[in-house]
Amino acid sequence: MKVITGAAGFIGSYLVSFLNRKGAEDLILVDDFSFSEKNKNLAGKKYSKKIERSVFMDWFENNQEQVDIVYHIGARTDTTEFDHTIFDELNVSYTQAIWKVCAKAKIPLVYASSAATYGLGEYGYKDDHDLVAKLKPLNPYGDSKNDFDKWALQQSEQPPFWCGLKFFNVYGPNEYHKGRMASVIFHAYNQIKESGKMKLFQSHNPDFKDGEQKRDFIYVWDLVNVCVWMGENQPESGLYNLGTGKARTFLDLVKNTFKALNKEADISFIPTPEDIRDKYQYFTEAEMAKLKNAGYPHPFHTLEEGVEDYVKNYLSTQAYY
């Protein structure tokens, strides 16, 4: 059986469907299922069992011999939450507990790290283990992801294969429940449908013009394909970037959303909220040589391809994957 944590969330639920389409139905889904809005993500999907996050570790300890691999996607991901104790519990301690069982029972582990670990990019965006201890994330979420990465690299007892995938800016179906933390494409689609216009954050950095802040946007299909490929092929264990390797501007993103809706672009700018202004990443771009050298053979969707598919086949029809 395959375990998927965060299974009712955006990426986790997409992974469930992706595995279903590859013929895998012996899935153990783990999450806090009390959020009914997220449970829509699991409608029609096939799996063996749903287990509440709070009792999963007890189940895992007692049923470890049944588990073939763990995809640990679940995490607290709110970058505007500043209570470190929440992240210490859910993103660090919980992941350590999963790791220890995987190491003891010889179960491969694929887990979600984050590009938030890179902070302002003072040391670049290279998935080099020697840089991990130097990184300076901008918020408690990024700290928690980097804290676990550092801990993992120090462990003498490890799963037979493990990888921490540093997710860059992910977008795509099944993020309807995420509110403020949903992708810019999701918010752009809704603003454009409502008003015919889109408001982007101004730049408060003299090195970037308004709308020309750049991020490495990756379509969720590509991200999940890498997760599954890693689990199936098990190259060298360690940390791997997971972006496209090509940064694009928010203007590119929104203009393509207008294009997918067959509307002329009408974009204006508003101040970045003060609570995130000094913690805002103006540029991220994954160095992807490590994944390619590990043998990953597939190209990624271009921004144009991903936005068109997302808007036309999911947002416009309110469809889930």
C-alpha atoms as a PDB file:
ATOM      1  CA  MET A   1       0.000   0.000   0.000  1.00  0.00           C
ATOM      2  CA  LYS A   2       1.010   3.582  -0.607  1.00  0.00           C
ATOM      3  CA  VAL A   3       0.521   6.243   2.070  1.00  0.00           C
ATOM      4  CA  ILE A   4      -0.291   9.809   1.041  1.00  0.00           C
ATOM      5  CA  THR A   5      -0.384  12.478   3.729  1.00  0.00           C
ATOM      6  CA  GLY A   6      -2.159  15.763   3.053  1.00  0.00           C
ATOM      7  CA  ALA A   7      -4.372  13.627   0.829  1.00  0.00           C
ATOM      8  CA  ALA A   8      -7.377  15.969   0.850  1.00  0.00           C
ATOM      9  CA  GLY A   9      -5.294  19.023   0.030  1.00  0.00           C
ATOM     10  CA  PHE A  10      -4.302  20.540  -3.293  1.00  0.00           C
ATOM     11  CA  ILE A  11      -1.223  18.504  -4.216  1.00  0.00           C
ATOM     12  CA  GLY A  12      -2.091  15.412  -2.173  1.00  0.00           C
ATOM     13  CA  SER A  13      -5.504  14.943  -3.786  1.00  0.00           C
ATOM     14  CA  TYR A  14      -3.994  15.466  -7.227  1.00  0.00           C
ATOM     15  CA  LEU A  15      -1.448  12.764  -6.411  1.00  0.00           C
ATOM     16  CA  VAL A  16      -4.275  10.401  -5.396  1.00  0.00           C
ATOM     17  CA  SER A  17      -5.982  10.863  -8.765  1.00  0.00           C
ATOM     18  CA  PHE A  18      -2.667  10.615 -10.635  1.00  0.00           C
ATOM     19  CA  LEU A  19      -1.935   7.266  -8.974  1.00  0.00           C
ATOM     20  CA  ASN A  20      -5.509   6.079  -9.613  1.00  0.00           C
ATOM     21  CA  ARG A  21      -5.001   6.775 -13.311  1.00  0.00           C
ATOM     22  CA  LYS A  22      -1.832   4.665 -13.204  1.00  0.00           C
ATOM     23  CA  GLY A  23      -3.882   1.804 -11.741  1.00  0.00           C
ATOM     24  CA  ALA A  24      -3.012   2.232  -8.048  1.00  0.00           C
ATOM     25  CA  GLU A  25      -5.993   2.036  -5.706  1.00  0.00           C
ATOM     26  CA  ASP A  26      -4.363   0.511  -2.591  1.00  0.00           C
ATOM     27  CA  LEU A  27      -3.872   3.938  -1.068  1.00  0.00           C
ATOM     28  CA  ILE A  28      -3.943   5.046   2.562  1.00  0.00           C
ATOM     29  CA  LEU A  29      -5.099   8.659   2.734  1.00  0.00           C
ATOM     30  CA  VAL A  30      -4.023  10.751   5.718  1.00  0.00           C
ATOM     31  CA  ASP A  31      -5.253  14.257   6.558  1.00  0.00           C
ATOM     32  CA  ASP A  32      -7.366  16.337   8.903  1.00  0.00           C
ATOM     33  CA  PHE A  33     -10.657  15.462   7.228  1.00  0.00           C
ATOM     34  CA  SER A  34     -12.717  17.873   9.354  1.00  0.00           C
ATOM     35  CA  PHE A  35     -12.421  20.578   6.671  1.00  0.00           C
ATOM     36  CA  SER A  36     -15.380  19.682   4.461  1.00  0.00           C
ATOM     37  CA  GLU A  37     -14.338  22.032   1.647  1.00  0.00           C
ATOM     38  CA  LYS A  38     -11.132  20.030   1.106  1.00  0.00           C
ATOM     39  CA  ASN A  39     -12.993  16.726   1.007  1.00  0.00           C
ATOM     40  CA  LYS A  40     -14.495  17.703  -2.359  1.00  0.00           C
ATOM     41  CA  ASN A  41     -10.996  17.054  -3.711  1.00  0.00           C
ATOM     42  CA  LEU A  42     -11.443  13.331  -3.001  1.00  0.00           C
ATOM     43  CA  ALA A  43     -14.830  12.829  -4.665  1.00  0.00           C
ATOM     44  CA  GLY A  44     -14.748   9.856  -7.024  1.00  0.00           C
ATOM     45  CA  LYS A  45     -11.221   8.821  -6.091  1.00  0.00           C
ATOM     46  CA  LYS A  46     -10.346   5.222  -5.172  1.00  0.00           C
ATOM     47  CA  TYR A  47      -8.442   4.253  -2.036  1.00  0.00           C
ATOM     48  CA  SER A  48      -8.290   1.627   0.704  1.00  0.00           C
ATOM     49  CA  LYS A  49      -8.644   3.726   3.832  1.00  0.00           C
ATOM     50  CA  LYS A  50      -8.835   7.277   5.209  1.00  0.00           C
ATOM     51  CA  ILE A  51      -7.019   7.918   8.496  1.00  0.00           C
ATOM     52  CA  GLU A  52      -7.114  11.103  10.551  1.00  0.00           C
ATOM     53  CA  ARG A  53      -3.752  12.787  10.849  1.00  0.00           C
ATOM     54  CA  SER A  54      -3.966  12.765  14.650  1.00  0.00           C
ATOM     55  CA  VAL A  55      -4.092   8.949  14.856  1.00  0.00           C
ATOM     56  CA  PHE A  56      -2.064   8.025  11.784  1.00  0.00           C
ATOM     57  CA  MET A  57       1.232   7.456  13.602  1.00  0.00           C
ATOM     58  CA  ASP A  58      -0.384   4.827  15.824  1.00  0.00           C
ATOM     59  CA  TRP A  59      -1.741   3.081  12.731  1.00  0.00           C
ATOM     60  CA  PHE A  60       1.622   3.374  10.960  1.00  0.00           C
ATOM     61  CA  GLU A  61       3.545   1.851  13.864  1.00  0.00           C
ATOM     62  CA  ASN A  62       1.174  -1.117  13.898  1.00  0.00           C
ATOM     63  CA  ASN A  63       0.845  -1.628  10.126  1.00  0.00           C
ATOM     64  CA  GLN A  64       4.250  -0.644   8.773  1.00  0.00           C
ATOM     65  CA  GLU A  65       4.785  -4.015   7.083  1.00  0.00           C
ATOM     66  CA  GLN A  66       1.843  -3.283   4.749  1.00  0.00           C
ATOM     67  CA  VAL A  67       3.305   0.009   3.461  1.00  0.00           C
ATOM     68  CA  ASP A  68       5.379   0.104   0.265  1.00  0.00           C
ATOM     69  CA  ILE A  69       6.127   3.858   0.197  1.00  0.00           C
ATOM     70  CA  VAL A  70       5.134   7.096   1.925  1.00  0.00           C
ATOM     71  CA  TYR A  71       4.395  10.289  -0.007  1.00  0.00           C
ATOM     72  CA  HIS A  72       4.444  12.865   2.784  1.00  0.00           C
ATOM     73  CA  ILE A  73       2.789  15.878   1.171  1.00  0.00           C
ATOM     74  CA  GLY A  74       0.871  17.129   4.215  1.00  0.00           C
ATOM     75  CA  ALA A  75       2.134  20.258   5.988  1.00  0.00           C
ATOM     76  CA  ARG A  76       1.063  23.583   7.394  1.00  0.00           C
ATOM     77  CA  THR A  77       1.869  25.842   4.432  1.00  0.00           C
ATOM     78  CA  ASP A  78       0.516  29.271   5.414  1.00  0.00           C
ATOM     79  CA  THR A  79       3.389  31.713   4.912  1.00  0.00           C
ATOM     80  CA  THR A  80       1.449  34.424   6.787  1.00  0.00           C
ATOM     81  CA  GLU A  81       1.265  32.336   9.995  1.00  0.00           C
ATOM     82  CA  PHE A  82       3.977  33.359  12.461  1.00  0.00           C
ATOM     83  CA  ASP A  83       3.384  30.946  15.352  1.00  0.00           C
ATOM     84  CA  HIS A  84       6.508  28.786  15.269  1.00  0.00           C
ATOM     85  CA  THR A  85       4.994  26.141  17.556  1.00  0.00           C
ATOM     86  CA  ILE A  86       2.399  25.185  14.925  1.00  0.00           C
ATOM     87  CA  PHE A  87       5.116  24.571  12.331  1.00  0.00           C
ATOM     88  CA  ASP A  88       7.370  22.786  14.820  1.00  0.00           C
ATOM     89  CA  GLU A  89       4.572  20.331  15.563  1.00  0.00           C
ATOM     90  CA  LEU A  90       3.119  19.739  12.097  1.00  0.00           C
ATOM     91  CA  ASN A  91       6.090  20.266   9.778  1.00  0.00           C
ATOM     92  CA  VAL A  92       9.069  19.166  11.867  1.00  0.00           C
ATOM     93  CA  SER A  93       8.100  16.755  14.665  1.00  0.00           C
ATOM     94  CA  TYR A  94       5.415  14.969  12.634  1.00  0.00           C
ATOM     95  CA  THR A  95       7.774  14.481   9.699  1.00  0.00           C
ATOM     96  CA  GLN A  96      10.512  13.227  12.016  1.00  0.00           C
ATOM     97  CA  ALA A  97       8.102  10.628  13.398  1.00  0.00           C
ATOM     98  CA  ILE A  98       7.264   9.435   9.872  1.00  0.00           C
ATOM     99  CA  TRP A  99      10.966   9.322   8.955  1.00  0.00           C
ATOM    100  CA  LYS A 100      11.828   7.180  11.983  1.00  0.00           C
ATOM    101  CA  VAL A 101       9.227   4.547  11.137  1.00  0.00           C
ATOM    102  CA  CYS A 102      10.305   4.545   7.474  1.00  0.00           C
ATOM    103  CA  ALA A 103      13.944   4.099   8.517  1.00  0.00           C
ATOM    104  CA  LYS A 104      13.148   1.293  10.941  1.00  0.00           C
ATOM    105  CA  ALA A 105      10.807  -0.556   8.559  1.00  0.00           C
ATOM    106  CA  LYS A 106      12.855   0.093   5.382  1.00  0.00           C
ATOM    107  CA  ILE A 107      10.077   2.074   3.658  1.00  0.00           C
ATOM    108  CA  PRO A 108      10.964   4.623   0.934  1.00  0.00           C
ATOM    109  CA  LEU A 109       9.966   8.213   1.754  1.00  0.00           C
ATOM    110  CA  VAL A 110       9.215  11.079  -0.630  1.00  0.00           C
ATOM    111  CA  TYR A 111       8.431  14.296   1.227  1.00  0.00           C
ATOM    112  CA  ALA A 112       7.589  17.899   0.380  1.00  0.00           C
ATOM    113  CA  SER A 113      10.226  20.468   1.177  1.00  0.00           C
ATOM    114  CA  SER A 114       9.922  23.992  -0.243  1.00  0.00           C
ATOM    115  CA  ALA A 115      11.638  26.748  -2.200  1.00  0.00           C
ATOM    116  CA  ALA A 116      10.738  28.934   0.800  1.00  0.00           C
ATOM    117  CA  THR A 117      13.900  27.485   2.369  1.00  0.00           C
ATOM    118  CA  TYR A 118      15.972  29.690   0.031  1.00  0.00           C
ATOM    119  CA  GLY A 119      14.791  32.981   1.548  1.00  0.00           C
ATOM    120  CA  LEU A 120      15.923  35.941  -0.544  1.00  0.00           C
ATOM    121  CA  GLY A 121      18.224  33.698  -2.546  1.00  0.00           C
ATOM    122  CA  GLU A 122      21.430  35.015  -0.982  1.00  0.00           C
ATOM    123  CA  TYR A 123      23.066  31.669  -1.754  1.00  0.00           C
ATOM    124  CA  GLY A 124      21.239  31.049  -5.001  1.00  0.00           C
ATOM    125  CA  TYR A 125      18.717  28.285  -5.692  1.00  0.00           C
ATOM    126  CA  LYS A 126      20.907  25.227  -5.939  1.00  0.00           C
ATOM    127  CA  ASP A 127      19.867  21.997  -4.207  1.00  0.00           C
ATOM    128  CA  ASP A 128      23.347  21.500  -2.766  1.00  0.00           C
ATOM    129  CA  HIS A 129      23.408  19.797   0.636  1.00  0.00           C
ATOM    130  CA  ASP A 130      26.385  21.935   1.697  1.00  0.00           C
ATOM    131  CA  LEU A 131      24.248  25.090   1.458  1.00  0.00           C
ATOM    132  CA  VAL A 132      21.335  23.922   3.595  1.00  0.00           C
ATOM    133  CA  ALA A 133      22.786  25.032   6.953  1.00  0.00           C
ATOM    134  CA  LYS A 134      23.471  28.524   5.563  1.00  0.00           C
ATOM    135  CA  LEU A 135      19.988  29.232   4.192  1.00  0.00           C
ATOM    136  CA  LYS A 136      17.888  32.023   5.722  1.00  0.00           C
ATOM    137  CA  PRO A 137      14.150  31.508   5.140  1.00  0.00           C
ATOM    138  CA  LEU A 138      11.881  34.542   5.458  1.00  0.00           C
ATOM    139  CA  ASN A 139       9.097  33.085   7.608  1.00  0.00           C
ATOM    140  CA  PRO A 140       8.357  30.294  10.092  1.00  0.00           C
ATOM    141  CA  TYR A 141       7.003  28.055   7.314  1.00  0.00           C
ATOM    142  CA  GLY A 142      10.296  28.247   5.432  1.00  0.00           C
ATOM    143  CA  ASP A 143      12.207  27.791   8.686  1.00  0.00           C
ATOM    144  CA  SER A 144      10.289  24.611   9.462  1.00  0.00           C
ATOM    145  CA  LYS A 145      10.977  23.100   6.064  1.00  0.00           C
ATOM    146  CA  ASN A 146      14.664  23.951   6.287  1.00  0.00           C
ATOM    147  CA  ASP A 147      14.861  22.704   9.875  1.00  0.00           C
ATOM    148  CA  PHE A 148      13.627  19.304   8.782  1.00  0.00           C
ATOM    149  CA  ASP A 149      15.940  19.211   5.759  1.00  0.00           C
ATOM    150  CA  LYS A 150      18.890  19.924   8.055  1.00  0.00           C
ATOM    151  CA  TRP A 151      17.764  17.235  10.472  1.00  0.00           C
ATOM    152  CA  ALA A 152      17.324  14.674   7.678  1.00  0.00           C
ATOM    153  CA  LEU A 153      20.827  15.238   6.369  1.00  0.00           C
ATOM    154  CA  GLN A 154      22.258  14.576   9.840  1.00  0.00           C
ATOM    155  CA  GLN A 155      20.567  11.210  10.352  1.00  0.00           C
ATOM    156  CA  SER A 156      22.613   8.035  10.350  1.00  0.00           C
ATOM    157  CA  GLU A 157      19.443   5.910  10.299  1.00  0.00           C
ATOM    158  CA  GLN A 158      17.627   6.608   7.043  1.00  0.00           C
ATOM    159  CA  PRO A 159      14.897   5.092   4.891  1.00  0.00           C
ATOM    160  CA  PRO A 160      16.307   2.883   2.104  1.00  0.00           C
ATOM    161  CA  PHE A 161      15.459   5.722  -0.275  1.00  0.00           C
ATOM    162  CA  TRP A 162      14.373   9.234   0.618  1.00  0.00           C
ATOM    163  CA  CYS A 163      14.052  12.546  -1.144  1.00  0.00           C
ATOM    164  CA  GLY A 164      12.949  15.983  -0.036  1.00  0.00           C
ATOM    165  CA  LEU A 165      11.504  17.815  -3.023  1.00  0.00           C
ATOM    166  CA  LYS A 166      11.802  21.596  -2.836  1.00  0.00           C
ATOM    167  CA  PHE A 167       8.497  22.662  -4.379  1.00  0.00           C
ATOM    168  CA  PHE A 168       8.603  26.027  -6.131  1.00  0.00           C
ATOM    169  CA  ASN A 169       5.390  27.940  -7.064  1.00  0.00           C
ATOM    170  CA  VAL A 170       2.792  25.268  -7.765  1.00  0.00           C
ATOM    171  CA  TYR A 171      -0.517  25.940  -9.526  1.00  0.00           C
ATOM    172  CA  GLY A 172      -3.312  23.809 -10.907  1.00  0.00           C
ATOM    173  CA  PRO A 173      -6.596  21.996 -10.179  1.00  0.00           C
ATOM    174  CA  ASN A 174      -7.838  21.123  -6.686  1.00  0.00           C
ATOM    175  CA  GLU A 175      -6.662  24.351  -4.998  1.00  0.00           C
ATOM    176  CA  TYR A 176     -10.200  25.787  -4.785  1.00  0.00           C
ATOM    177  CA  HIS A 177     -10.198  25.636  -0.961  1.00  0.00           C
ATOM    178  CA  LYS A 178      -6.898  27.445  -0.361  1.00  0.00           C
ATOM    179  CA  GLY A 179      -8.211  31.027  -0.069  1.00  0.00           C
ATOM    180  CA  ARG A 180      -5.452  33.612   0.194  1.00  0.00           C
ATOM    181  CA  MET A 181      -2.787  30.937  -0.300  1.00  0.00           C
ATOM    182  CA  ALA A 182      -4.131  29.782  -3.692  1.00  0.00           C
ATOM    183  CA  SER A 183      -2.047  30.513  -6.788  1.00  0.00           C
ATOM    184  CA  VAL A 184      -2.051  33.881  -8.538  1.00  0.00           C
ATOM    185  CA  ILE A 185      -3.677  32.196 -11.547  1.00  0.00           C
ATOM    186  CA  PHE A 186      -6.617  31.105  -9.396  1.00  0.00           C
ATOM    187  CA  HIS A 187      -7.080  34.635  -8.052  1.00  0.00           C
ATOM    188  CA  ALA A 188      -6.564  36.167 -11.496  1.00  0.00           C
ATOM    189  CA  TYR A 189      -9.216  33.929 -13.024  1.00  0.00           C
ATOM    190  CA  ASN A 190     -11.766  34.910 -10.385  1.00  0.00           C
ATOM    191  CA  GLN A 191     -10.976  38.623 -10.545  1.00  0.00           C
ATOM    192  CA  ILE A 192     -11.144  38.645 -14.329  1.00  0.00           C
ATOM    193  CA  LYS A 193     -14.449  36.758 -14.375  1.00  0.00           C
ATOM    194  CA  GLU A 194     -15.914  39.171 -11.821  1.00  0.00           C
ATOM    195  CA  SER A 195     -14.569  42.517 -13.033  1.00  0.00           C
ATOM    196  CA  GLY A 196     -12.705  41.969 -16.293  1.00  0.00           C
ATOM    197  CA  LYS A 197      -9.577  43.260 -14.544  1.00  0.00           C
ATOM    198  CA  MET A 198      -6.684  41.997 -12.428  1.00  0.00           C
ATOM    199  CA  LYS A 199      -4.743  43.707  -9.645  1.00  0.00           C
ATOM    200  CA  LEU A 200      -1.166  42.652  -8.982  1.00  0.00           C
ATOM    201  CA  PHE A 201       1.170  43.666  -6.169  1.00  0.00           C
ATOM    202  CA  GLN A 202       3.405  46.628  -6.786  1.00  0.00           C
ATOM    203  CA  SER A 203       7.140  46.170  -6.570  1.00  0.00           C
ATOM    204  CA  HIS A 204       8.749  47.697  -3.496  1.00  0.00           C
ATOM    205  CA  ASN A 205      12.187  46.749  -4.760  1.00  0.00           C
ATOM    206  CA  PRO A 206      13.948  49.209  -7.111  1.00  0.00           C
ATOM    207  CA  ASP A 207      15.487  46.319  -9.047  1.00  0.00           C
ATOM    208  CA  PHE A 208      12.067  45.122 -10.240  1.00  0.00           C
ATOM    209  CA  LYS A 209       9.340  47.009 -12.074  1.00  0.00           C
ATOM    210  CA  ASP A 210       5.705  46.476 -11.100  1.00  0.00           C
ATOM    211  CA  GLY A 211       4.582  43.019 -12.225  1.00  0.00           C
ATOM    212  CA  GLU A 212       8.085  41.952 -13.167  1.00  0.00           C
ATOM    213  CA  GLN A 213       8.724  40.048  -9.968  1.00  0.00           C
ATOM    214  CA  LYS A 214       9.750  36.580 -11.126  1.00  0.00           C
ATOM    215  CA  ARG A 215       8.930  33.136  -9.801  1.00  0.00           C
ATOM    216  CA  ASP A 216       9.468  29.599 -10.991  1.00  0.00           C
ATOM    217  CA  PHE A 217       5.872  28.472 -11.639  1.00  0.00           C
ATOM    218  CA  ILE A 218       5.329  24.719 -11.975  1.00  0.00           C
ATOM    219  CA  TYR A 219       2.123  23.000 -13.067  1.00  0.00           C
ATOM    220  CA  VAL A 220       0.923  20.490 -10.504  1.00  0.00           C
ATOM    221  CA  TRP A 221       0.829  17.671 -13.093  1.00  0.00           C
ATOM    222  CA  ASP A 222       4.587  17.999 -13.598  1.00  0.00           C
ATOM    223  CA  LEU A 223       5.252  18.182  -9.868  1.00  0.00           C
ATOM    224  CA  VAL A 224       3.264  15.037  -9.091  1.00  0.00           C
ATOM    225  CA  ASN A 225       4.833  13.215 -12.034  1.00  0.00           C
ATOM    226  CA  VAL A 226       8.250  13.863 -10.478  1.00  0.00           C
ATOM    227  CA  CYS A 227       7.044  12.651  -7.056  1.00  0.00           C
ATOM    228  CA  VAL A 228       5.854   9.353  -8.518  1.00  0.00           C
ATOM    229  CA  TRP A 229       8.926   8.944 -10.735  1.00  0.00           C
ATOM    230  CA  MET A 230      11.150   9.402  -7.705  1.00  0.00           C
ATOM    231  CA  GLY A 231       9.257   6.757  -5.793  1.00  0.00           C
ATOM    232  CA  GLU A 232       9.398   4.314  -8.686  1.00  0.00           C
ATOM    233  CA  ASN A 233      12.999   4.870  -9.789  1.00  0.00           C
ATOM    234  CA  GLN A 234      14.701   5.761  -6.502  1.00  0.00           C
ATOM    235  CA  PRO A 235      17.864   7.530  -7.650  1.00  0.00           C
ATOM    236  CA  GLU A 236      20.379   8.837  -5.102  1.00  0.00           C
ATOM    237  CA  SER A 237      18.696   9.941  -1.861  1.00  0.00           C
ATOM    238  CA  GLY A 238      18.726  13.612  -0.904  1.00  0.00           C
ATOM    239  CA  LEU A 239      17.204  17.018  -1.557  1.00  0.00           C
ATOM    240  CA  TYR A 240      16.042  17.946  -5.048  1.00  0.00           C
ATOM    241  CA  ASN A 241      14.650  21.154  -6.497  1.00  0.00           C
ATOM    242  CA  LEU A 242      11.254  20.839  -8.118  1.00  0.00           C
ATOM    243  CA  GLY A 243      10.516  23.762 -10.396  1.00  0.00           C
ATOM    244  CA  THR A 244      10.773  24.233 -14.151  1.00  0.00           C
ATOM    245  CA  GLY A 245      14.160  25.922 -14.063  1.00  0.00           C
ATOM    246  CA  LYS A 246      12.763  28.999 -15.797  1.00  0.00           C
ATOM    247  CA  ALA A 247      11.526  32.043 -13.872  1.00  0.00           C
ATOM    248  CA  ARG A 248       8.620  33.988 -15.367  1.00  0.00           C
ATOM    249  CA  THR A 249       7.041  37.305 -14.385  1.00  0.00           C
ATOM    250  CA  PHE A 250       3.652  37.746 -12.763  1.00  0.00           C
ATOM    251  CA  LEU A 251       2.729  39.810 -15.805  1.00  0.00           C
ATOM    252  CA  ASP A 252       3.417  36.760 -17.977  1.00  0.00           C
ATOM    253  CA  LEU A 253       1.220  34.709 -15.697  1.00  0.00           C
ATOM    254  CA  VAL A 254      -1.738  37.085 -15.735  1.00  0.00           C
ATOM    255  CA  LYS A 255      -1.523  37.944 -19.426  1.00  0.00           C
ATOM    256  CA  ASN A 256      -1.730  34.249 -20.221  1.00  0.00           C
ATOM    257  CA  THR A 257      -4.760  33.936 -17.946  1.00  0.00           C
ATOM    258  CA  PHE A 258      -6.499  36.732 -19.879  1.00  0.00           C
ATOM    259  CA  LYS A 259      -5.504  35.007 -23.117  1.00  0.00           C
ATOM    260  CA  ALA A 260      -6.954  31.681 -22.004  1.00  0.00           C
ATOM    261  CA  LEU A 261     -10.216  33.504 -21.277  1.00  0.00           C
ATOM    262  CA  ASN A 262     -10.123  35.227 -24.692  1.00  0.00           C
ATOM    263  CA  LYS A 263     -10.093  38.628 -22.997  1.00  0.00           C
ATOM    264  CA  GLU A 264      -7.885  41.672 -23.456  1.00  0.00           C
ATOM    265  CA  ALA A 265      -5.512  42.220 -20.547  1.00  0.00           C
ATOM    266  CA  ASP A 266      -6.451  44.958 -18.064  1.00  0.00           C
ATOM    267  CA  ILE A 267      -3.893  44.942 -15.231  1.00  0.00           C
ATOM    268  CA  SER A 268      -3.328  47.450 -12.419  1.00  0.00           C
ATOM    269  CA  PHE A 269      -1.149  47.442  -9.307  1.00  0.00           C
ATOM    270  CA  ILE A 270      -1.784  47.728  -5.568  1.00  0.00           C
ATOM    271  CA  PRO A 271       0.652  47.941  -2.625  1.00  0.00           C
ATOM    272  CA  THR A 272       1.936  44.632  -1.272  1.00  0.00           C
ATOM    273  CA  PRO A 273       0.354  43.998   2.168  1.00  0.00           C
ATOM    274  CA  GLU A 274       2.657  45.274   4.895  1.00  0.00           C
ATOM    275  CA  ASP A 275       2.551  41.986   6.828  1.00  0.00           C
ATOM    276  CA  ILE A 276       4.401  40.202   4.019  1.00  0.00           C
ATOM    277  CA  ARG A 277       6.244  43.085   2.351  1.00  0.00           C
ATOM    278  CA  ASP A 278       9.615  42.563   4.039  1.00  0.00           C
ATOM    279  CA  LYS A 279       9.378  38.789   3.554  1.00  0.00           C
ATOM    280  CA  TYR A 280       8.549  38.817  -0.143  1.00  0.00           C
ATOM    281  CA  GLN A 281      10.613  36.843  -2.646  1.00  0.00           C
ATOM    282  CA  TYR A 282      11.158  38.904  -5.791  1.00  0.00           C
ATOM    283  CA  PHE A 283      12.928  36.158  -7.700  1.00  0.00           C
ATOM    284  CA  THR A 284      13.059  32.377  -7.539  1.00  0.00           C
ATOM    285  CA  GLU A 285      14.406  29.995 -10.158  1.00  0.00           C
ATOM    286  CA  ALA A 286      15.207  26.362  -9.499  1.00  0.00           C
ATOM    287  CA  GLU A 287      18.516  24.948 -10.639  1.00  0.00           C
ATOM    288  CA  MET A 288      17.311  21.655 -12.096  1.00  0.00           C
ATOM    289  CA  ALA A 289      20.544  19.905 -13.092  1.00  0.00           C
ATOM    290  CA  LYS A 290      20.420  17.523 -10.131  1.00  0.00           C
ATOM    291  CA  LEU A 291      17.033  16.058 -11.067  1.00  0.00           C
ATOM    292  CA  LYS A 292      18.027  15.779 -14.726  1.00  0.00           C
ATOM    293  CA  ASN A 293      21.310  14.103 -13.808  1.00  0.00           C
ATOM    294  CA  ALA A 294      19.334  11.642 -11.674  1.00  0.00           C
ATOM    295  CA  GLY A 295      17.681  10.517 -14.901  1.00  0.00           C
ATOM    296  CA  TYR A 296      14.327  12.311 -14.902  1.00  0.00           C
ATOM    297  CA  PRO A 297      13.419  12.242 -18.602  1.00  0.00           C
ATOM    298  CA  HIS A 298      10.261  14.315 -19.011  1.00  0.00           C
ATOM    299  CA  PRO A 299       9.852  17.950 -20.133  1.00  0.00           C
ATOM    300  CA  PHE A 300       7.741  20.319 -18.064  1.00  0.00           C
ATOM    301  CA  HIS A 301       4.682  22.248 -19.224  1.00  0.00           C
ATOM    302  CA  THR A 302       5.548  25.754 -20.355  1.00  0.00           C
ATOM    303  CA  LEU A 303       3.730  28.509 -18.479  1.00  0.00           C
ATOM    304  CA  GLU A 304       1.554  29.048 -21.534  1.00  0.00           C
ATOM    305  CA  GLU A 305       0.598  25.361 -21.734  1.00  0.00           C
ATOM    306  CA  GLY A 306      -0.085  25.012 -18.034  1.00  0.00           C
ATOM    307  CA  VAL A 307      -2.197  28.149 -17.716  1.00  0.00           C
ATOM    308  CA  GLU A 308      -4.270  27.273 -20.780  1.00  0.00           C
ATOM    309  CA  ASP A 309      -4.988  23.757 -19.528  1.00  0.00           C
ATOM    310  CA  TYR A 310      -5.810  24.940 -16.006  1.00  0.00           C
ATOM    311  CA  VAL A 311      -8.111  27.765 -17.097  1.00  0.00           C
ATOM    312  CA  LYS A 312      -9.927  26.017 -19.932  1.00  0.00           C
ATOM    313  CA  ASN A 313     -10.260  22.495 -18.538  1.00  0.00           C
ATOM    314  CA  TYR A 314     -10.604  23.117 -14.796  1.00  0.00           C
ATOM    315  CA  LEU A 315     -11.303  26.684 -13.639  1.00  0.00           C
ATOM    316  CA  SER A 316     -13.817  27.430 -16.392  1.00  0.00           C
ATOM    317  CA  THR A 317     -15.713  24.220 -15.660  1.00  0.00           C
ATOM    318  CA  GLN A 318     -15.051  24.071 -11.892  1.00  0.00           C
ATOM    319  CA  ALA A 319     -13.672  20.589 -12.489  1.00  0.00           C
ATOM    320  CA  TYR A 320     -11.388  18.655 -10.153  1.00  0.00           C
ATOM    321  CA  TYR A 321      -8.585  16.342 -11.193  1.00  0.00           C
END
